Amino acid sequence: MSYSVGFLRKDAPFVPEVRSPTVRRRELGALLRALRNENGLTVEQVAERLLCSPSKVSRMETGRGTASPRDIRDLCDLYDVADEAERDRMMRLAHESKQQGWWHSHDLDFGTYVGLEEAAVATMYYHSTTIPGLLQTADYARAVHDVVVPRLLPERIDELVEVRMTRQRRLLEDNPPHFTAILDEAALHRVVGGLEVMAAQLDKVLQMSALPKVVIQVLPYEAGAHAAMESNFSIVELPASASDVVFVEGLIGSVYLDRAQDLDRYHAVFKQLQAIALSPKDTANLIARVSRAHKDNLGSIAR
């Protein structure tokens, strides 16, 4: 049985460069919130002045809603922003926040996360049972989507797999973001999609770990109890103009956290996991051994 690992595709689908509208909204929201606080106004007071609902003001400030040029003009007047350069900057952010990223046409439940990921300078993952999406092969990703409840149509699975492969291109860019992943050892042994798919998947993880800004560690069974046993999460570090975000996912849905205390907590947990995980070198050796075991088991079945 041959196991070709031509995973690092330079011929991935072309995606035009777009400054992430998700992050532009967050940048603009942070500016608006800071200006409101400097002026000693509450959300309700601003809404009353603008003749809109408090929820609209709150959504603009949190980056969950967009601001129109008129909104920016009225807010600049309300906050006494006289500097034309600053007003122009806010108008530009409002314009960019309404642009369509490549992911918008795919109607993704996690579109906000992809928008954050597009602008990240670093991402840190902890996964307890599966290989992170940015390291997955197409076959592994397809097997993961195939067991979603309620079941997805084959065409939708194909689309989601292509989205996952497109997201991976960021790790192949000339100046990619830093990518750090900690996997529980269980993710190596759980046979997703069959032995052949799993062996190829682990080979891809090894290949990706050789990239200059990629660090992969495995948390071995012997590490015992730890602070993240019941959670999968990622920490997205954004440019200085936008606050970092923690993304926590599960069956009940996804949660985005950006409060300072939440960021501090998840950074502390991730640092603890790094300390008790295998080194990158020992991780590579373990992954190679498990991959060989999957191939040996496949060979035994074939015989």
C-alpha atoms as a PDB file:
ATOM      1  CA  MET A   1       0.000   0.000   0.000  1.00  0.00           C
ATOM      2  CA  SER A   2       1.393   3.415  -0.981  1.00  0.00           C
ATOM      3  CA  TYR A   3       0.985   6.484   1.188  1.00  0.00           C
ATOM      4  CA  SER A   4       1.705   9.602  -0.861  1.00  0.00           C
ATOM      5  CA  VAL A   5       1.726  12.765   1.206  1.00  0.00           C
ATOM      6  CA  GLY A   6       1.483  15.592  -1.303  1.00  0.00           C
ATOM      7  CA  PHE A   7      -0.412  17.646   1.230  1.00  0.00           C
ATOM      8  CA  LEU A   8       1.168  21.089   1.036  1.00  0.00           C
ATOM      9  CA  ARG A   9      -0.575  22.249  -2.082  1.00  0.00           C
ATOM     10  CA  LYS A  10       0.701  25.471  -3.568  1.00  0.00           C
ATOM     11  CA  ASP A  11      -2.054  25.158  -6.197  1.00  0.00           C
ATOM     12  CA  ALA A  12      -4.873  25.597  -3.666  1.00  0.00           C
ATOM     13  CA  PRO A  13      -7.910  27.594  -4.900  1.00  0.00           C
ATOM     14  CA  PHE A  14      -7.015  31.242  -5.509  1.00  0.00           C
ATOM     15  CA  VAL A  15      -8.445  33.512  -2.868  1.00  0.00           C
ATOM     16  CA  PRO A  16      -8.179  37.264  -3.428  1.00  0.00           C
ATOM     17  CA  GLU A  17      -6.592  39.149  -0.563  1.00  0.00           C
ATOM     18  CA  VAL A  18      -9.199  40.930   1.536  1.00  0.00           C
ATOM     19  CA  ARG A  19      -8.518  42.658   4.803  1.00  0.00           C
ATOM     20  CA  SER A  20     -10.704  40.696   7.166  1.00  0.00           C
ATOM     21  CA  PRO A  21     -14.001  42.581   7.579  1.00  0.00           C
ATOM     22  CA  THR A  22     -14.522  40.728  10.862  1.00  0.00           C
ATOM     23  CA  VAL A  23     -11.409  42.290  12.353  1.00  0.00           C
ATOM     24  CA  ARG A  24     -12.130  45.710  10.813  1.00  0.00           C
ATOM     25  CA  ARG A  25     -15.475  45.686  12.668  1.00  0.00           C
ATOM     26  CA  ARG A  26     -13.691  44.836  15.893  1.00  0.00           C
ATOM     27  CA  GLU A  27     -11.128  47.610  15.374  1.00  0.00           C
ATOM     28  CA  LEU A  28     -13.849  50.143  14.691  1.00  0.00           C
ATOM     29  CA  GLY A  29     -15.906  48.917  17.636  1.00  0.00           C
ATOM     30  CA  ALA A  30     -12.947  49.320  20.003  1.00  0.00           C
ATOM     31  CA  LEU A  31     -12.456  52.906  18.800  1.00  0.00           C
ATOM     32  CA  LEU A  32     -16.138  53.736  19.243  1.00  0.00           C
ATOM     33  CA  ARG A  33     -16.237  52.235  22.726  1.00  0.00           C
ATOM     34  CA  ALA A  34     -13.117  54.135  23.759  1.00  0.00           C
ATOM     35  CA  LEU A  35     -14.549  57.411  22.447  1.00  0.00           C
ATOM     36  CA  ARG A  36     -17.840  56.871  24.273  1.00  0.00           C
ATOM     37  CA  ASN A  37     -16.035  56.164  27.532  1.00  0.00           C
ATOM     38  CA  GLU A  38     -13.798  59.218  27.090  1.00  0.00           C
ATOM     39  CA  ASN A  39     -16.923  61.323  26.747  1.00  0.00           C
ATOM     40  CA  GLY A  40     -18.527  59.784  29.833  1.00  0.00           C
ATOM     41  CA  LEU A  41     -21.614  58.553  27.994  1.00  0.00           C
ATOM     42  CA  THR A  42     -23.586  55.358  28.439  1.00  0.00           C
ATOM     43  CA  VAL A  43     -24.792  53.162  25.597  1.00  0.00           C
ATOM     44  CA  GLU A  44     -28.342  54.308  26.334  1.00  0.00           C
ATOM     45  CA  GLN A  45     -27.376  57.975  26.140  1.00  0.00           C
ATOM     46  CA  VAL A  46     -25.656  57.487  22.797  1.00  0.00           C
ATOM     47  CA  ALA A  47     -28.659  55.581  21.447  1.00  0.00           C
ATOM     48  CA  GLU A  48     -30.951  58.401  22.538  1.00  0.00           C
ATOM     49  CA  ARG A  49     -28.794  60.984  20.737  1.00  0.00           C
ATOM     50  CA  LEU A  50     -28.646  58.881  17.557  1.00  0.00           C
ATOM     51  CA  LEU A  51     -32.341  57.970  17.679  1.00  0.00           C
ATOM     52  CA  CYS A  52     -31.585  54.263  17.547  1.00  0.00           C
ATOM     53  CA  SER A  53     -31.755  51.283  19.892  1.00  0.00           C
ATOM     54  CA  PRO A  54     -29.116  50.625  22.582  1.00  0.00           C
ATOM     55  CA  SER A  55     -28.598  47.176  21.040  1.00  0.00           C
ATOM     56  CA  LYS A  56     -27.452  48.797  17.782  1.00  0.00           C
ATOM     57  CA  VAL A  57     -24.848  50.870  19.620  1.00  0.00           C
ATOM     58  CA  SER A  58     -23.717  47.810  21.567  1.00  0.00           C
ATOM     59  CA  ARG A  59     -23.424  45.709  18.382  1.00  0.00           C
ATOM     60  CA  MET A  60     -21.320  48.379  16.688  1.00  0.00           C
ATOM     61  CA  GLU A  61     -18.993  48.545  19.698  1.00  0.00           C
ATOM     62  CA  THR A  62     -18.556  44.780  19.963  1.00  0.00           C
ATOM     63  CA  GLY A  63     -18.000  44.303  16.232  1.00  0.00           C
ATOM     64  CA  ARG A  64     -21.122  42.174  15.867  1.00  0.00           C
ATOM     65  CA  GLY A  65     -22.845  44.818  13.771  1.00  0.00           C
ATOM     66  CA  THR A  66     -21.776  47.185  11.022  1.00  0.00           C
ATOM     67  CA  ALA A  67     -21.791  50.982  11.097  1.00  0.00           C
ATOM     68  CA  SER A  68     -22.992  53.039   8.149  1.00  0.00           C
ATOM     69  CA  PRO A  69     -21.185  56.191   6.960  1.00  0.00           C
ATOM     70  CA  ARG A  70     -23.988  58.205   8.524  1.00  0.00           C
ATOM     71  CA  ASP A  71     -23.505  56.400  11.841  1.00  0.00           C
ATOM     72  CA  ILE A  72     -19.794  57.257  11.781  1.00  0.00           C
ATOM     73  CA  ARG A  73     -20.487  60.886  10.888  1.00  0.00           C
ATOM     74  CA  ASP A  74     -23.032  61.249  13.693  1.00  0.00           C
ATOM     75  CA  LEU A  75     -20.805  59.487  16.239  1.00  0.00           C
ATOM     76  CA  CYS A  76     -17.789  61.623  15.304  1.00  0.00           C
ATOM     77  CA  ASP A  77     -19.920  64.736  15.793  1.00  0.00           C
ATOM     78  CA  LEU A  78     -21.245  63.419  19.104  1.00  0.00           C
ATOM     79  CA  TYR A  79     -17.763  62.553  20.354  1.00  0.00           C
ATOM     80  CA  ASP A  80     -16.202  65.808  19.055  1.00  0.00           C
ATOM     81  CA  VAL A  81     -13.772  64.044  16.720  1.00  0.00           C
ATOM     82  CA  ALA A  82     -12.407  67.041  14.823  1.00  0.00           C
ATOM     83  CA  ASP A  83      -9.299  65.443  13.334  1.00  0.00           C
ATOM     84  CA  GLU A  84     -10.102  64.768   9.667  1.00  0.00           C
ATOM     85  CA  ALA A  85      -7.508  62.006   9.457  1.00  0.00           C
ATOM     86  CA  GLU A  86      -9.161  60.187  12.373  1.00  0.00           C
ATOM     87  CA  ARG A  87     -12.612  60.639  10.871  1.00  0.00           C
ATOM     88  CA  ASP A  88     -11.334  59.322   7.538  1.00  0.00           C
ATOM     89  CA  ARG A  89      -9.762  56.328   9.305  1.00  0.00           C
ATOM     90  CA  MET A  90     -13.073  55.454  10.952  1.00  0.00           C
ATOM     91  CA  MET A  91     -14.924  55.858   7.654  1.00  0.00           C
ATOM     92  CA  ARG A  92     -12.401  53.552   6.002  1.00  0.00           C
ATOM     93  CA  LEU A  93     -12.823  50.932   8.726  1.00  0.00           C
ATOM     94  CA  ALA A  94     -16.610  51.142   8.347  1.00  0.00           C
ATOM     95  CA  HIS A  95     -16.248  50.610   4.585  1.00  0.00           C
ATOM     96  CA  GLU A  96     -13.857  47.678   4.969  1.00  0.00           C
ATOM     97  CA  SER A  97     -16.065  46.085   7.617  1.00  0.00           C
ATOM     98  CA  LYS A  98     -18.799  45.679   4.987  1.00  0.00           C
ATOM     99  CA  GLN A  99     -16.616  43.959   2.417  1.00  0.00           C
ATOM    100  CA  GLN A 100     -17.233  40.303   1.683  1.00  0.00           C
ATOM    101  CA  GLY A 101     -14.556  37.831   2.715  1.00  0.00           C
ATOM    102  CA  TRP A 102     -14.139  34.672   0.626  1.00  0.00           C
ATOM    103  CA  TRP A 103     -15.884  32.688   3.357  1.00  0.00           C
ATOM    104  CA  HIS A 104     -19.120  34.701   3.320  1.00  0.00           C
ATOM    105  CA  SER A 105     -20.477  32.919   0.257  1.00  0.00           C
ATOM    106  CA  HIS A 106     -20.338  29.575   2.100  1.00  0.00           C
ATOM    107  CA  ASP A 107     -22.906  30.401   4.817  1.00  0.00           C
ATOM    108  CA  LEU A 108     -20.724  29.114   7.643  1.00  0.00           C
ATOM    109  CA  ASP A 109     -21.884  28.786  11.245  1.00  0.00           C
ATOM    110  CA  PHE A 110     -18.306  29.615  12.212  1.00  0.00           C
ATOM    111  CA  GLY A 111     -17.851  32.470   9.727  1.00  0.00           C
ATOM    112  CA  THR A 112     -16.895  34.897  12.481  1.00  0.00           C
ATOM    113  CA  TYR A 113     -14.062  32.587  13.492  1.00  0.00           C
ATOM    114  CA  VAL A 114     -12.759  32.280   9.926  1.00  0.00           C
ATOM    115  CA  GLY A 115     -12.786  36.070   9.680  1.00  0.00           C
ATOM    116  CA  LEU A 116     -10.680  36.304  12.833  1.00  0.00           C
ATOM    117  CA  GLU A 117      -8.364  33.535  11.655  1.00  0.00           C
ATOM    118  CA  GLU A 118      -7.739  35.357   8.364  1.00  0.00           C
ATOM    119  CA  ALA A 119      -6.160  38.289  10.209  1.00  0.00           C
ATOM    120  CA  ALA A 120      -4.460  36.384  13.036  1.00  0.00           C
ATOM    121  CA  VAL A 121      -0.786  36.869  13.773  1.00  0.00           C
ATOM    122  CA  ALA A 122      -0.851  33.686  15.875  1.00  0.00           C
ATOM    123  CA  THR A 123      -3.298  30.926  16.728  1.00  0.00           C
ATOM    124  CA  MET A 124      -3.080  28.423  19.560  1.00  0.00           C
ATOM    125  CA  TYR A 125      -5.235  25.290  19.614  1.00  0.00           C
ATOM    126  CA  TYR A 126      -6.046  22.622  22.131  1.00  0.00           C
ATOM    127  CA  HIS A 127      -8.026  19.649  20.800  1.00  0.00           C
ATOM    128  CA  SER A 128      -8.877  16.647  22.917  1.00  0.00           C
ATOM    129  CA  THR A 129     -10.281  14.143  20.409  1.00  0.00           C
ATOM    130  CA  THR A 130      -9.713  15.342  16.836  1.00  0.00           C
ATOM    131  CA  ILE A 131      -6.960  16.765  14.670  1.00  0.00           C
ATOM    132  CA  PRO A 132      -7.376  20.572  14.313  1.00  0.00           C
ATOM    133  CA  GLY A 133      -8.941  21.730  11.066  1.00  0.00           C
ATOM    134  CA  LEU A 134      -5.832  23.490   9.783  1.00  0.00           C
ATOM    135  CA  LEU A 135      -3.951  20.173   9.913  1.00  0.00           C
ATOM    136  CA  GLN A 136      -6.621  17.898   8.457  1.00  0.00           C
ATOM    137  CA  THR A 137      -6.522  16.005   5.183  1.00  0.00           C
ATOM    138  CA  ALA A 138      -9.559  16.240   2.946  1.00  0.00           C
ATOM    139  CA  ASP A 139     -10.500  12.607   3.680  1.00  0.00           C
ATOM    140  CA  TYR A 140     -10.253  13.106   7.436  1.00  0.00           C
ATOM    141  CA  ALA A 141     -12.293  16.310   7.246  1.00  0.00           C
ATOM    142  CA  ARG A 142     -14.921  14.534   5.171  1.00  0.00           C
ATOM    143  CA  ALA A 143     -15.188  11.742   7.744  1.00  0.00           C
ATOM    144  CA  VAL A 144     -15.632  14.299  10.532  1.00  0.00           C
ATOM    145  CA  HIS A 145     -18.419  16.106   8.661  1.00  0.00           C
ATOM    146  CA  ASP A 146     -20.074  12.827   7.714  1.00  0.00           C
ATOM    147  CA  VAL A 147     -21.134  12.146  11.319  1.00  0.00           C
ATOM    148  CA  VAL A 148     -22.615  15.574  12.061  1.00  0.00           C
ATOM    149  CA  VAL A 149     -26.129  15.537  13.512  1.00  0.00           C
ATOM    150  CA  PRO A 150     -28.405  16.356  11.754  1.00  0.00           C
ATOM    151  CA  ARG A 151     -26.737  14.768   8.733  1.00  0.00           C
ATOM    152  CA  LEU A 152     -25.356  16.992   6.008  1.00  0.00           C
ATOM    153  CA  LEU A 153     -26.000  16.545   2.321  1.00  0.00           C
ATOM    154  CA  PRO A 154     -22.996  15.227   0.356  1.00  0.00           C
ATOM    155  CA  GLU A 155     -22.790  18.523  -1.561  1.00  0.00           C
ATOM    156  CA  ARG A 156     -22.593  20.481   1.686  1.00  0.00           C
ATOM    157  CA  ILE A 157     -19.884  18.167   3.027  1.00  0.00           C
ATOM    158  CA  ASP A 158     -17.859  18.735  -0.146  1.00  0.00           C
ATOM    159  CA  GLU A 159     -18.232  22.489   0.306  1.00  0.00           C
ATOM    160  CA  LEU A 160     -17.160  22.413   3.959  1.00  0.00           C
ATOM    161  CA  VAL A 161     -14.148  20.242   3.144  1.00  0.00           C
ATOM    162  CA  GLU A 162     -13.069  22.725   0.462  1.00  0.00           C
ATOM    163  CA  VAL A 163     -13.460  25.565   2.973  1.00  0.00           C
ATOM    164  CA  ARG A 164     -11.200  23.709   5.386  1.00  0.00           C
ATOM    165  CA  MET A 165      -8.572  23.130   2.702  1.00  0.00           C
ATOM    166  CA  THR A 166      -8.736  26.797   1.673  1.00  0.00           C
ATOM    167  CA  ARG A 167      -8.196  27.937   5.266  1.00  0.00           C
ATOM    168  CA  GLN A 168      -4.985  25.896   5.403  1.00  0.00           C
ATOM    169  CA  ARG A 169      -3.352  28.052   2.728  1.00  0.00           C
ATOM    170  CA  ARG A 170      -2.486  30.636   5.388  1.00  0.00           C
ATOM    171  CA  LEU A 171       0.130  28.303   6.818  1.00  0.00           C
ATOM    172  CA  LEU A 172       1.812  28.180   3.392  1.00  0.00           C
ATOM    173  CA  GLU A 173       2.089  31.920   2.860  1.00  0.00           C
ATOM    174  CA  ASP A 174       5.463  33.661   2.663  1.00  0.00           C
ATOM    175  CA  ASN A 175       4.816  35.267   6.052  1.00  0.00           C
ATOM    176  CA  PRO A 176       2.386  32.891   7.773  1.00  0.00           C
ATOM    177  CA  PRO A 177       0.984  33.349  11.273  1.00  0.00           C
ATOM    178  CA  HIS A 178       2.465  31.390  14.146  1.00  0.00           C
ATOM    179  CA  PHE A 179       0.497  28.199  14.675  1.00  0.00           C
ATOM    180  CA  THR A 180       0.740  26.166  17.872  1.00  0.00           C
ATOM    181  CA  ALA A 181      -1.366  23.063  18.451  1.00  0.00           C
ATOM    182  CA  ILE A 182      -1.592  20.753  21.437  1.00  0.00           C
ATOM    183  CA  LEU A 183      -3.338  17.462  20.731  1.00  0.00           C
ATOM    184  CA  ASP A 184      -4.458  14.929  23.257  1.00  0.00           C
ATOM    185  CA  GLU A 185      -2.926  11.525  22.484  1.00  0.00           C
ATOM    186  CA  ALA A 186      -6.456  10.198  21.982  1.00  0.00           C
ATOM    187  CA  ALA A 187      -6.657  12.182  18.724  1.00  0.00           C
ATOM    188  CA  LEU A 188      -3.850  10.030  17.302  1.00  0.00           C
ATOM    189  CA  HIS A 189      -5.487   6.712  18.128  1.00  0.00           C
ATOM    190  CA  ARG A 190      -9.110   7.473  17.267  1.00  0.00           C
ATOM    191  CA  VAL A 191      -9.523   5.960  13.808  1.00  0.00           C
ATOM    192  CA  VAL A 192     -11.489   8.593  11.913  1.00  0.00           C
ATOM    193  CA  GLY A 193     -12.431   7.479   8.402  1.00  0.00           C
ATOM    194  CA  GLY A 194     -10.575   4.164   8.600  1.00  0.00           C
ATOM    195  CA  LEU A 195      -6.981   3.074   9.047  1.00  0.00           C
ATOM    196  CA  GLU A 196      -5.764   4.324   5.667  1.00  0.00           C
ATOM    197  CA  VAL A 197      -7.270   7.771   6.193  1.00  0.00           C
ATOM    198  CA  MET A 198      -5.867   7.924   9.703  1.00  0.00           C
ATOM    199  CA  ALA A 199      -2.343   6.920   8.672  1.00  0.00           C
ATOM    200  CA  ALA A 200      -2.331   9.552   5.931  1.00  0.00           C
ATOM    201  CA  GLN A 201      -3.679  12.109   8.390  1.00  0.00           C
ATOM    202  CA  LEU A 202      -0.855  11.534  10.853  1.00  0.00           C
ATOM    203  CA  ASP A 203       1.662  11.734   8.031  1.00  0.00           C
ATOM    204  CA  LYS A 204       0.232  15.140   7.156  1.00  0.00           C
ATOM    205  CA  VAL A 205       0.543  16.318  10.759  1.00  0.00           C
ATOM    206  CA  LEU A 206       4.217  15.355  10.644  1.00  0.00           C
ATOM    207  CA  GLN A 207       4.721  17.224   7.397  1.00  0.00           C
ATOM    208  CA  MET A 208       2.954  20.334   8.678  1.00  0.00           C
ATOM    209  CA  SER A 209       5.050  20.262  11.854  1.00  0.00           C
ATOM    210  CA  ALA A 210       8.134  20.848   9.682  1.00  0.00           C
ATOM    211  CA  LEU A 211       6.874  24.277   8.596  1.00  0.00           C
ATOM    212  CA  PRO A 212       8.899  27.120  10.153  1.00  0.00           C
ATOM    213  CA  LYS A 213       6.124  28.713  12.243  1.00  0.00           C
ATOM    214  CA  VAL A 214       4.237  25.550  13.187  1.00  0.00           C
ATOM    215  CA  VAL A 215       4.689  23.891  16.584  1.00  0.00           C
ATOM    216  CA  ILE A 216       2.792  20.712  17.438  1.00  0.00           C
ATOM    217  CA  GLN A 217       2.833  18.929  20.791  1.00  0.00           C
ATOM    218  CA  VAL A 218       0.971  15.870  22.027  1.00  0.00           C
ATOM    219  CA  LEU A 219      -0.387  15.590  25.525  1.00  0.00           C
ATOM    220  CA  PRO A 220       0.345  11.948  26.418  1.00  0.00           C
ATOM    221  CA  TYR A 221      -1.971   9.753  28.427  1.00  0.00           C
ATOM    222  CA  GLU A 222       0.661   9.659  31.190  1.00  0.00           C
ATOM    223  CA  ALA A 223       0.188  13.403  31.772  1.00  0.00           C
ATOM    224  CA  GLY A 224      -2.966  12.553  33.693  1.00  0.00           C
ATOM    225  CA  ALA A 225      -5.537  15.143  34.697  1.00  0.00           C
ATOM    226  CA  HIS A 226      -5.243  18.680  33.390  1.00  0.00           C
ATOM    227  CA  ALA A 227      -7.259  21.898  33.222  1.00  0.00           C
ATOM    228  CA  ALA A 228      -8.684  21.438  29.711  1.00  0.00           C
ATOM    229  CA  MET A 229      -9.898  17.831  29.765  1.00  0.00           C
ATOM    230  CA  GLU A 230     -13.494  18.775  28.972  1.00  0.00           C
ATOM    231  CA  SER A 231     -12.884  21.509  26.429  1.00  0.00           C
ATOM    232  CA  ASN A 232     -11.656  22.320  22.934  1.00  0.00           C
ATOM    233  CA  PHE A 233     -10.550  25.895  22.413  1.00  0.00           C
ATOM    234  CA  SER A 234      -8.371  28.162  20.352  1.00  0.00           C
ATOM    235  CA  ILE A 235      -6.758  31.493  21.160  1.00  0.00           C
ATOM    236  CA  VAL A 236      -6.590  33.908  18.235  1.00  0.00           C
ATOM    237  CA  GLU A 237      -3.995  36.640  18.571  1.00  0.00           C
ATOM    238  CA  LEU A 238      -4.857  39.604  16.367  1.00  0.00           C
ATOM    239  CA  PRO A 239      -2.924  42.708  15.282  1.00  0.00           C
ATOM    240  CA  ALA A 240      -2.401  45.295  17.998  1.00  0.00           C
ATOM    241  CA  SER A 241      -5.349  47.363  16.739  1.00  0.00           C
ATOM    242  CA  ALA A 242      -7.824  44.603  17.687  1.00  0.00           C
ATOM    243  CA  SER A 243      -8.276  42.625  20.891  1.00  0.00           C
ATOM    244  CA  ASP A 244      -7.463  38.900  20.993  1.00  0.00           C
ATOM    245  CA  VAL A 245     -10.247  36.317  21.112  1.00  0.00           C
ATOM    246  CA  VAL A 246     -10.774  32.892  22.653  1.00  0.00           C
ATOM    247  CA  PHE A 247     -13.032  30.564  20.667  1.00  0.00           C
ATOM    248  CA  VAL A 248     -14.671  27.695  22.557  1.00  0.00           C
ATOM    249  CA  GLU A 249     -16.730  25.167  20.617  1.00  0.00           C
ATOM    250  CA  GLY A 250     -19.050  22.316  21.535  1.00  0.00           C
ATOM    251  CA  LEU A 251     -22.417  20.719  20.821  1.00  0.00           C
ATOM    252  CA  ILE A 252     -24.276  23.624  22.415  1.00  0.00           C
ATOM    253  CA  GLY A 253     -22.641  26.059  20.005  1.00  0.00           C
ATOM    254  CA  SER A 254     -19.656  28.367  19.908  1.00  0.00           C
ATOM    255  CA  VAL A 255     -18.601  31.069  22.341  1.00  0.00           C
ATOM    256  CA  TYR A 256     -16.283  34.012  21.694  1.00  0.00           C
ATOM    257  CA  LEU A 257     -14.508  35.471  24.710  1.00  0.00           C
ATOM    258  CA  ASP A 258     -12.467  38.671  24.719  1.00  0.00           C
ATOM    259  CA  ARG A 259     -12.562  39.952  28.288  1.00  0.00           C
ATOM    260  CA  ALA A 260      -9.117  40.404  29.812  1.00  0.00           C
ATOM    261  CA  GLN A 261      -9.813  37.906  32.608  1.00  0.00           C
ATOM    262  CA  ASP A 262     -10.941  35.253  30.097  1.00  0.00           C
ATOM    263  CA  LEU A 263      -7.883  35.781  27.901  1.00  0.00           C
ATOM    264  CA  ASP A 264      -5.599  35.555  30.928  1.00  0.00           C
ATOM    265  CA  ARG A 265      -7.258  32.334  32.074  1.00  0.00           C
ATOM    266  CA  TYR A 266      -7.006  30.561  28.716  1.00  0.00           C
ATOM    267  CA  HIS A 267      -3.435  31.712  28.162  1.00  0.00           C
ATOM    268  CA  ALA A 268      -2.561  30.306  31.589  1.00  0.00           C
ATOM    269  CA  VAL A 269      -4.246  26.988  30.786  1.00  0.00           C
ATOM    270  CA  PHE A 270      -2.493  26.764  27.431  1.00  0.00           C
ATOM    271  CA  LYS A 271       0.876  27.495  29.044  1.00  0.00           C
ATOM    272  CA  GLN A 272       0.204  24.695  31.554  1.00  0.00           C
ATOM    273  CA  LEU A 273      -0.629  22.281  28.719  1.00  0.00           C
ATOM    274  CA  GLN A 274       2.576  23.189  26.888  1.00  0.00           C
ATOM    275  CA  ALA A 275       4.579  22.452  30.020  1.00  0.00           C
ATOM    276  CA  ILE A 276       3.201  18.925  30.489  1.00  0.00           C
ATOM    277  CA  ALA A 277       2.992  17.981  26.784  1.00  0.00           C
ATOM    278  CA  LEU A 278       5.726  16.147  24.922  1.00  0.00           C
ATOM    279  CA  SER A 279       8.384  18.238  23.230  1.00  0.00           C
ATOM    280  CA  PRO A 280       7.925  18.800  19.487  1.00  0.00           C
ATOM    281  CA  LYS A 281      10.660  16.253  18.788  1.00  0.00           C
ATOM    282  CA  ASP A 282       9.158  13.588  21.061  1.00  0.00           C
ATOM    283  CA  THR A 283       5.746  14.434  19.636  1.00  0.00           C
ATOM    284  CA  ALA A 284       6.984  13.745  16.098  1.00  0.00           C
ATOM    285  CA  ASN A 285       8.423  10.403  17.196  1.00  0.00           C
ATOM    286  CA  LEU A 286       5.140   9.382  18.837  1.00  0.00           C
ATOM    287  CA  ILE A 287       3.050  10.422  15.830  1.00  0.00           C
ATOM    288  CA  ALA A 288       5.362   8.473  13.507  1.00  0.00           C
ATOM    289  CA  ARG A 289       5.030   5.350  15.698  1.00  0.00           C
ATOM    290  CA  VAL A 290       1.236   5.559  15.787  1.00  0.00           C
ATOM    291  CA  SER A 291       1.109   6.153  12.031  1.00  0.00           C
ATOM    292  CA  ARG A 292       3.238   3.049  11.445  1.00  0.00           C
ATOM    293  CA  ALA A 293       0.939   1.061  13.719  1.00  0.00           C
ATOM    294  CA  HIS A 294      -2.104   2.136  11.681  1.00  0.00           C
ATOM    295  CA  LYS A 295      -0.326   1.082   8.476  1.00  0.00           C
ATOM    296  CA  ASP A 296       0.710  -2.251   9.999  1.00  0.00           C
ATOM    297  CA  ASN A 297      -2.868  -2.921  11.105  1.00  0.00           C
ATOM    298  CA  LEU A 298      -4.090  -2.062   7.625  1.00  0.00           C
ATOM    299  CA  GLY A 299      -1.527  -4.437   6.103  1.00  0.00           C
ATOM    300  CA  SER A 300      -2.638  -7.238   8.435  1.00  0.00           C
ATOM    301  CA  ILE A 301      -6.242  -6.763   7.377  1.00  0.00           C
ATOM    302  CA  ALA A 302      -5.238  -6.793   3.692  1.00  0.00           C
ATOM    303  CA  ARG A 303      -3.421 -10.096   4.176  1.00  0.00           C
END
